[in-house]
Amino acid sequence: MALMGDQFDVAKRQPAYVRFQNNTCYSIEVNWMNFHNKEQTYCILDPNKFVDVNTFSTHSWIFRECISKSHMVVDGREVFIATPWVEEHRRLEFKHPINVPLRTRVLIKMPVMDLRQLCLLKLASILKNKDDINMLEIPTTLQKELIEMISNKEASKIQLTN
């Protein structure tokens, strides 16, 4: 993860143009790590949708599933730091001159989850509200986790409307 000092270092900070693409079947929070090293939600990305972002090579990005707040991954990592577009251009060995910045496609994927996590996530996406959980004959610990997940789902909906 980029250190806070790196984000302020103008010499290291180079423009990066990315396209975050949600390759999961869940809504994903796209979070930028701000200058205080706190997650700041940039947007909510629906399944199979994308968003174009102009960022810098020193900025860190984290992706979370909206209901469980589970980390998603990019290239097997939970934290993404963009490559400057000029370096991407060189890496791909384009022969034409650099006129327009190159936008890098960043695929957000779901990490490997255990069966328990997947089942809770599915239940939370189906249940309408917290009262529905009481009807399920499941252990109290699972009920508490589901209540938290449904609260997260409701908070994400509120965040979308603001």
Protein backbone atom coordinates (compact mmCIF):
# COMPACT_ATOMS: atom_id res chain seq x y z
CA MET A 1 0.00 0.00 0.00
CA ALA A 2 1.28 3.47 -0.77
CA LEU A 3 2.41 5.33 2.30
CA MET A 4 0.85 8.65 3.17
CA GLY A 5 4.16 10.41 2.45
CA ASP A 6 4.22 8.94 -1.07
CA GLN A 7 0.84 10.49 -1.85
CA PHE A 8 2.26 13.96 -1.15
CA ASP A 9 5.49 13.36 -3.12
CA VAL A 10 4.82 15.31 -6.33
CA ALA A 11 7.90 13.83 -8.05
CA LYS A 12 6.52 10.28 -7.69
CA ARG A 13 2.91 11.24 -8.48
CA GLN A 14 2.18 10.62 -12.15
CA PRO A 15 -1.22 10.55 -13.86
CA ALA A 16 -2.86 7.17 -14.31
CA TYR A 17 -6.08 6.54 -16.20
CA VAL A 18 -7.97 3.38 -15.27
CA ARG A 19 -11.25 1.66 -16.03
CA PHE A 20 -12.44 -0.27 -12.98
CA GLN A 21 -14.63 -3.13 -14.22
CA ASN A 22 -16.74 -5.14 -11.79
CA ASN A 23 -16.46 -8.79 -12.89
CA THR A 24 -18.55 -10.11 -9.99
CA CYS A 25 -22.28 -10.67 -9.52
CA TYR A 26 -22.32 -8.28 -6.52
CA SER A 27 -22.34 -4.51 -6.11
CA ILE A 28 -18.86 -3.30 -5.23
CA GLU A 29 -17.68 -0.22 -3.32
CA VAL A 30 -14.76 1.41 -5.10
CA ASN A 31 -12.75 3.01 -2.27
CA TRP A 32 -9.83 5.41 -2.53
CA MET A 33 -7.38 5.49 0.37
CA ASN A 34 -7.32 9.20 1.22
CA PHE A 35 -4.40 11.24 2.54
CA HIS A 36 -5.28 10.19 6.12
CA ASN A 37 -5.08 6.52 5.08
CA LYS A 38 -8.85 6.08 5.46
CA GLU A 39 -11.14 4.47 2.91
CA GLN A 40 -13.25 6.99 1.05
CA THR A 41 -16.01 5.61 -1.16
CA TYR A 42 -15.59 6.85 -4.71
CA CYS A 43 -18.62 5.03 -6.13
CA ILE A 44 -20.74 1.89 -6.00
CA LEU A 45 -20.19 -0.27 -9.06
CA ASP A 46 -23.02 -2.62 -10.08
CA PRO A 47 -22.27 -6.12 -11.40
CA ASN A 48 -20.61 -6.20 -14.83
CA LYS A 49 -20.41 -2.38 -15.00
CA PHE A 50 -17.36 -0.14 -15.21
CA VAL A 51 -16.26 3.35 -14.23
CA ASP A 52 -13.44 5.42 -15.73
CA VAL A 53 -11.22 7.06 -13.13
CA ASN A 54 -8.41 9.58 -13.49
CA THR A 55 -6.04 8.97 -10.59
CA PHE A 56 -2.33 9.06 -9.74
CA SER A 57 0.32 6.38 -9.48
CA THR A 58 0.69 7.01 -5.73
CA HIS A 59 -3.00 6.47 -4.90
CA SER A 60 -4.21 3.20 -3.39
CA TRP A 61 -7.63 1.72 -4.20
CA ILE A 62 -9.58 -0.97 -2.32
CA PHE A 63 -12.72 -2.76 -3.46
CA ARG A 64 -15.38 -4.18 -1.13
CA GLU A 65 -18.57 -6.12 -1.66
CA CYS A 66 -21.36 -3.81 -0.39
CA ILE A 67 -23.22 -6.27 1.85
CA SER A 68 -20.48 -8.24 3.62
CA LYS A 69 -17.77 -5.57 3.21
CA SER A 70 -15.50 -8.43 2.04
CA HIS A 71 -12.41 -7.42 0.10
CA MET A 72 -12.46 -8.03 -3.63
CA VAL A 73 -9.22 -8.51 -5.56
CA VAL A 74 -7.37 -7.17 -8.60
CA ASP A 75 -4.66 -9.49 -9.92
CA GLY A 76 -4.95 -11.49 -6.68
CA ARG A 77 -4.28 -8.44 -4.48
CA GLU A 78 -6.64 -6.53 -2.18
CA VAL A 79 -4.93 -3.17 -2.80
CA PHE A 80 -4.55 -1.68 -6.27
CA ILE A 81 -2.02 1.02 -7.18
CA ALA A 82 -2.18 2.24 -10.77
CA THR A 83 0.74 2.26 -13.17
CA PRO A 84 1.36 5.67 -14.78
CA TRP A 85 -0.19 5.73 -18.24
CA VAL A 86 3.15 6.49 -19.91
CA GLU A 87 4.66 3.33 -18.40
CA GLU A 88 1.63 1.32 -19.56
CA HIS A 89 2.16 2.71 -23.04
CA ARG A 90 5.83 1.60 -23.00
CA ARG A 91 4.99 -1.82 -21.51
CA LEU A 92 2.53 -2.55 -24.31
CA GLU A 93 5.13 -1.44 -26.87
CA PHE A 94 2.85 0.71 -28.96
CA LYS A 95 4.61 2.00 -32.05
CA HIS A 96 2.40 5.07 -32.57
CA PRO A 97 3.23 8.37 -30.86
CA ILE A 98 1.70 9.23 -27.50
CA ASN A 99 -1.13 11.65 -28.25
CA VAL A 100 -3.89 10.45 -25.94
CA PRO A 101 -3.43 8.96 -22.47
CA LEU A 102 -3.89 5.21 -22.31
CA ARG A 103 -6.67 3.95 -20.00
CA THR A 104 -5.84 0.65 -18.28
CA ARG A 105 -8.63 -1.89 -17.71
CA VAL A 106 -8.67 -3.12 -14.10
CA LEU A 107 -10.77 -6.25 -13.51
CA ILE A 108 -12.29 -6.50 -10.03
CA LYS A 109 -12.88 -10.12 -9.07
CA MET A 110 -14.22 -12.05 -6.14
CA PRO A 111 -11.60 -13.82 -4.02
CA VAL A 112 -11.98 -17.42 -2.97
CA MET A 113 -14.58 -17.56 -0.18
CA ASP A 114 -15.62 -20.45 2.01
CA LEU A 115 -19.09 -21.98 1.74
CA ARG A 116 -20.25 -20.28 4.97
CA GLN A 117 -19.39 -16.81 3.62
CA LEU A 118 -21.07 -17.50 0.29
CA CYS A 119 -24.26 -18.77 1.96
CA LEU A 120 -24.45 -15.74 4.28
CA LEU A 121 -23.91 -13.41 1.35
CA LYS A 122 -26.69 -15.09 -0.64
CA LEU A 123 -29.09 -14.97 2.32
CA ALA A 124 -28.33 -11.29 2.94
CA SER A 125 -29.03 -10.47 -0.71
CA ILE A 126 -32.40 -12.30 -0.57
CA LEU A 127 -33.70 -11.10 2.80
CA LYS A 128 -35.61 -7.81 2.69
CA ASN A 129 -35.02 -6.60 6.25
CA LYS A 130 -33.61 -7.55 9.65
CA ASP A 131 -36.96 -8.92 10.91
CA ASP A 132 -36.83 -11.68 8.29
CA ILE A 133 -33.73 -13.11 10.00
CA ASN A 134 -35.69 -14.00 13.14
CA MET A 135 -37.77 -16.45 11.10
CA LEU A 136 -34.67 -18.44 10.15
CA GLU A 137 -33.77 -21.32 12.41
CA ILE A 138 -30.05 -20.67 12.47
CA PRO A 139 -27.53 -20.10 15.28
CA THR A 140 -27.50 -16.67 16.96
CA THR A 141 -23.95 -15.97 15.76
CA LEU A 142 -25.08 -16.35 12.14
CA GLN A 143 -28.15 -14.20 12.81
CA LYS A 144 -25.90 -11.41 14.15
CA GLU A 145 -23.69 -11.59 11.07
CA LEU A 146 -26.73 -11.44 8.79
CA ILE A 147 -28.10 -8.42 10.68
CA GLU A 148 -24.78 -6.63 10.14
CA MET A 149 -24.76 -7.55 6.45
CA ILE A 150 -28.32 -6.30 5.94
CA SER A 151 -27.41 -3.07 7.75
CA ASN A 152 -24.49 -2.68 5.33
CA LYS A 153 -26.85 -3.29 2.41
CA GLU A 154 -29.25 -0.60 3.66
CA ALA A 155 -26.35 1.83 4.23
CA SER A 156 -25.12 1.24 0.67
CA LYS A 157 -28.58 2.08 -0.70
CA ILE A 158 -28.62 5.33 1.29
CA GLN A 159 -25.13 6.17 0.05
CA LEU A 160 -26.26 5.67 -3.55
CA THR A 161 -29.09 8.18 -3.17
CA ASN A 162 -26.80 10.89 -1.69
